[in-house]
Amino acid sequence: MSDNGELQPPQEQPGLVARPPEEAAGRVANGGPWGPTDFELPDPRGDQFPVLMVSVVGGLVLVLLVGVLTIFYFNLT
């Protein structure tokens, strides 16, 4: 309170700066250390096409790898 009874706003202390948490220091996407990354939020449009494509391509690569290894196995024995 001041001398005349009015409330005064608290005084800011110079030099005090908020810092992000230690585990967030490396994030740079979507707002920097304080903001979320693309991997933490669902797509707002509900578009699952990238997830579907990665799954399909990954499955095809695994099937191809198993097929090639099977052919090598039967050719060596």
N, C-alpha and C. Protein backbone atom coordinates (compact mmCIF):
# COMPACT_ATOMS: atom_id res chain seq x y z
N MET A 1 0.84 -1.19 0.00
CA MET A 1 0.00 0.00 0.00
C MET A 1 0.88 1.25 0.00
N SER A 2 0.33 2.25 -0.60
CA SER A 2 1.06 3.51 -0.58
C SER A 2 0.67 4.32 0.66
N ASP A 3 1.21 5.49 0.75
CA ASP A 3 0.93 6.34 1.93
C ASP A 3 -0.53 6.73 2.03
N ASN A 4 -1.22 6.85 0.87
CA ASN A 4 -2.61 7.28 0.91
C ASN A 4 -3.59 6.10 0.93
N GLY A 5 -3.13 4.87 1.11
CA GLY A 5 -4.00 3.70 1.25
C GLY A 5 -4.33 2.99 -0.05
N GLU A 6 -3.79 3.44 -1.19
CA GLU A 6 -4.08 2.78 -2.46
C GLU A 6 -3.19 1.55 -2.63
N LEU A 7 -3.73 0.55 -3.28
CA LEU A 7 -2.94 -0.65 -3.57
C LEU A 7 -2.02 -0.39 -4.74
N GLN A 8 -0.81 -0.84 -4.63
CA GLN A 8 0.18 -0.69 -5.69
C GLN A 8 0.42 -2.05 -6.34
N PRO A 9 0.60 -2.07 -7.67
CA PRO A 9 0.92 -3.35 -8.31
C PRO A 9 2.28 -3.85 -7.84
N PRO A 10 2.47 -5.16 -7.84
CA PRO A 10 3.77 -5.68 -7.41
C PRO A 10 4.88 -5.22 -8.36
N GLN A 11 6.03 -4.99 -7.81
CA GLN A 11 7.18 -4.54 -8.61
C GLN A 11 7.83 -5.74 -9.29
N GLU A 12 8.13 -5.56 -10.56
CA GLU A 12 8.82 -6.63 -11.28
C GLU A 12 10.29 -6.62 -10.89
N GLN A 13 10.83 -7.82 -10.81
CA GLN A 13 12.25 -7.94 -10.50
C GLN A 13 13.02 -8.10 -11.79
N PRO A 14 13.91 -7.19 -12.11
CA PRO A 14 14.66 -7.31 -13.36
C PRO A 14 15.62 -8.50 -13.30
N GLY A 15 15.80 -9.12 -14.46
CA GLY A 15 16.75 -10.22 -14.55
C GLY A 15 16.14 -11.60 -14.40
N LEU A 16 14.90 -11.68 -13.94
CA LEU A 16 14.26 -12.99 -13.82
C LEU A 16 13.53 -13.31 -15.13
N VAL A 17 13.93 -14.39 -15.77
CA VAL A 17 13.37 -14.77 -17.05
C VAL A 17 12.90 -16.21 -16.95
N ALA A 18 11.71 -16.47 -17.45
CA ALA A 18 11.21 -17.85 -17.47
C ALA A 18 11.99 -18.66 -18.49
N ARG A 19 12.29 -19.89 -18.15
CA ARG A 19 13.01 -20.79 -19.04
C ARG A 19 12.17 -22.04 -19.26
N PRO A 20 12.29 -22.67 -20.45
CA PRO A 20 11.58 -23.92 -20.69
C PRO A 20 12.17 -25.04 -19.84
N PRO A 21 11.42 -26.10 -19.63
CA PRO A 21 11.97 -27.22 -18.87
C PRO A 21 13.17 -27.84 -19.59
N GLU A 22 14.02 -28.49 -18.82
CA GLU A 22 15.26 -29.07 -19.38
C GLU A 22 14.99 -30.05 -20.52
N GLU A 23 13.95 -30.89 -20.38
CA GLU A 23 13.70 -31.92 -21.39
C GLU A 23 13.18 -31.33 -22.69
N ALA A 24 12.78 -30.07 -22.71
CA ALA A 24 12.24 -29.45 -23.91
C ALA A 24 13.26 -28.59 -24.64
N ALA A 25 14.49 -28.59 -24.21
CA ALA A 25 15.48 -27.68 -24.78
C ALA A 25 15.76 -27.95 -26.25
N GLY A 26 15.61 -29.18 -26.72
CA GLY A 26 15.94 -29.51 -28.10
C GLY A 26 14.82 -29.31 -29.09
N ARG A 27 13.62 -29.04 -28.65
CA ARG A 27 12.50 -28.91 -29.59
C ARG A 27 12.56 -27.58 -30.31
N VAL A 28 12.30 -27.63 -31.60
CA VAL A 28 12.27 -26.39 -32.37
C VAL A 28 11.02 -26.29 -33.23
N ALA A 29 10.35 -27.38 -33.51
CA ALA A 29 9.20 -27.36 -34.40
C ALA A 29 7.96 -26.84 -33.68
N ASN A 30 7.15 -26.11 -34.40
CA ASN A 30 5.84 -25.62 -33.92
C ASN A 30 5.92 -24.86 -32.61
N GLY A 31 6.69 -23.83 -32.57
CA GLY A 31 6.67 -22.97 -31.41
C GLY A 31 7.88 -23.08 -30.50
N GLY A 32 8.86 -23.83 -30.86
CA GLY A 32 10.05 -23.91 -30.04
C GLY A 32 9.87 -24.76 -28.81
N PRO A 33 10.70 -24.55 -27.81
CA PRO A 33 10.71 -25.41 -26.63
C PRO A 33 9.40 -25.41 -25.86
N TRP A 34 8.63 -24.33 -25.97
CA TRP A 34 7.38 -24.28 -25.20
C TRP A 34 6.25 -24.96 -25.94
N GLY A 35 6.34 -25.07 -27.23
CA GLY A 35 5.21 -25.57 -28.01
C GLY A 35 5.31 -27.05 -28.30
N PRO A 36 4.20 -27.65 -28.72
CA PRO A 36 4.20 -29.07 -29.06
C PRO A 36 4.89 -29.32 -30.39
N THR A 37 5.30 -30.56 -30.61
CA THR A 37 5.86 -30.95 -31.89
C THR A 37 4.78 -31.62 -32.71
N ASP A 38 5.08 -31.90 -33.98
CA ASP A 38 4.10 -32.56 -34.85
C ASP A 38 3.73 -33.93 -34.34
N PHE A 39 4.61 -34.58 -33.59
CA PHE A 39 4.37 -35.94 -33.15
C PHE A 39 3.52 -36.00 -31.88
N GLU A 40 3.25 -34.86 -31.25
CA GLU A 40 2.48 -34.87 -30.01
C GLU A 40 1.01 -34.55 -30.22
N LEU A 41 0.66 -34.00 -31.36
CA LEU A 41 -0.72 -33.62 -31.60
C LEU A 41 -1.29 -34.39 -32.78
N PRO A 42 -2.56 -34.78 -32.72
CA PRO A 42 -3.18 -35.41 -33.88
C PRO A 42 -3.41 -34.36 -34.98
N ASP A 43 -3.55 -34.84 -36.18
CA ASP A 43 -3.81 -33.94 -37.30
C ASP A 43 -5.18 -33.30 -37.10
N PRO A 44 -5.27 -31.97 -37.11
CA PRO A 44 -6.56 -31.32 -36.86
C PRO A 44 -7.60 -31.64 -37.92
N ARG A 45 -7.17 -31.97 -39.13
CA ARG A 45 -8.13 -32.31 -40.19
C ARG A 45 -8.56 -33.77 -40.14
N GLY A 46 -7.89 -34.57 -39.33
CA GLY A 46 -8.22 -35.99 -39.26
C GLY A 46 -7.65 -36.78 -40.43
N ASP A 47 -6.70 -36.22 -41.13
CA ASP A 47 -6.11 -36.87 -42.29
C ASP A 47 -5.13 -37.95 -41.83
N GLN A 48 -5.43 -39.20 -42.14
CA GLN A 48 -4.58 -40.32 -41.75
C GLN A 48 -3.78 -40.87 -42.93
N PHE A 49 -3.75 -40.15 -44.04
CA PHE A 49 -3.05 -40.64 -45.23
C PHE A 49 -1.56 -40.88 -44.98
N PRO A 50 -0.83 -39.99 -44.32
CA PRO A 50 0.60 -40.28 -44.09
C PRO A 50 0.81 -41.53 -43.25
N VAL A 51 -0.02 -41.75 -42.26
CA VAL A 51 0.10 -42.94 -41.43
C VAL A 51 -0.16 -44.19 -42.27
N LEU A 52 -1.17 -44.14 -43.11
CA LEU A 52 -1.50 -45.26 -43.98
C LEU A 52 -0.37 -45.56 -44.95
N MET A 53 0.22 -44.53 -45.55
CA MET A 53 1.29 -44.74 -46.52
C MET A 53 2.53 -45.34 -45.85
N VAL A 54 2.89 -44.86 -44.69
CA VAL A 54 4.05 -45.41 -43.99
C VAL A 54 3.80 -46.87 -43.63
N SER A 55 2.58 -47.19 -43.22
CA SER A 55 2.26 -48.57 -42.87
C SER A 55 2.32 -49.49 -44.09
N VAL A 56 1.76 -49.04 -45.19
CA VAL A 56 1.75 -49.86 -46.41
C VAL A 56 3.17 -50.06 -46.94
N VAL A 57 3.94 -48.99 -47.02
CA VAL A 57 5.31 -49.11 -47.54
C VAL A 57 6.15 -49.96 -46.60
N GLY A 58 6.00 -49.77 -45.28
CA GLY A 58 6.74 -50.59 -44.33
C GLY A 58 6.39 -52.06 -44.44
N GLY A 59 5.11 -52.35 -44.62
CA GLY A 59 4.68 -53.75 -44.79
C GLY A 59 5.25 -54.36 -46.06
N LEU A 60 5.24 -53.60 -47.14
CA LEU A 60 5.80 -54.11 -48.40
C LEU A 60 7.30 -54.36 -48.29
N VAL A 61 8.00 -53.49 -47.62
CA VAL A 61 9.45 -53.69 -47.43
C VAL A 61 9.70 -54.95 -46.61
N LEU A 62 8.91 -55.17 -45.56
CA LEU A 62 9.09 -56.38 -44.75
C LEU A 62 8.78 -57.64 -45.55
N VAL A 63 7.71 -57.62 -46.35
CA VAL A 63 7.38 -58.79 -47.17
C VAL A 63 8.49 -59.05 -48.19
N LEU A 64 9.01 -58.01 -48.80
CA LEU A 64 10.10 -58.16 -49.77
C LEU A 64 11.34 -58.72 -49.10
N LEU A 65 11.66 -58.23 -47.91
CA LEU A 65 12.83 -58.71 -47.19
C LEU A 65 12.69 -60.19 -46.83
N VAL A 66 11.52 -60.58 -46.35
CA VAL A 66 11.29 -61.99 -46.01
C VAL A 66 11.38 -62.86 -47.26
N GLY A 67 10.84 -62.38 -48.38
CA GLY A 67 10.91 -63.14 -49.63
C GLY A 67 12.34 -63.33 -50.10
N VAL A 68 13.13 -62.27 -50.06
CA VAL A 68 14.53 -62.37 -50.51
C VAL A 68 15.32 -63.30 -49.59
N LEU A 69 15.12 -63.18 -48.28
CA LEU A 69 15.81 -64.07 -47.34
C LEU A 69 15.39 -65.53 -47.53
N THR A 70 14.13 -65.76 -47.83
CA THR A 70 13.65 -67.13 -48.08
C THR A 70 14.30 -67.70 -49.33
N ILE A 71 14.40 -66.91 -50.38
CA ILE A 71 15.03 -67.39 -51.62
C ILE A 71 16.50 -67.71 -51.37
N PHE A 72 17.21 -66.83 -50.66
CA PHE A 72 18.62 -67.11 -50.34
C PHE A 72 18.76 -68.36 -49.50
N TYR A 73 17.85 -68.54 -48.53
CA TYR A 73 17.94 -69.71 -47.66
C TYR A 73 17.80 -71.01 -48.46
N PHE A 74 16.80 -71.06 -49.37
CA PHE A 74 16.60 -72.29 -50.13
C PHE A 74 17.66 -72.48 -51.21
N ASN A 75 18.28 -71.42 -51.68
CA ASN A 75 19.35 -71.57 -52.66
C ASN A 75 20.65 -72.04 -52.00
N LEU A 76 20.87 -71.69 -50.73
CA LEU A 76 22.10 -72.09 -50.03
C LEU A 76 22.01 -73.52 -49.48
N THR A 77 20.80 -74.00 -49.26
CA THR A 77 20.69 -75.36 -48.67
C THR A 77 20.44 -76.40 -49.73
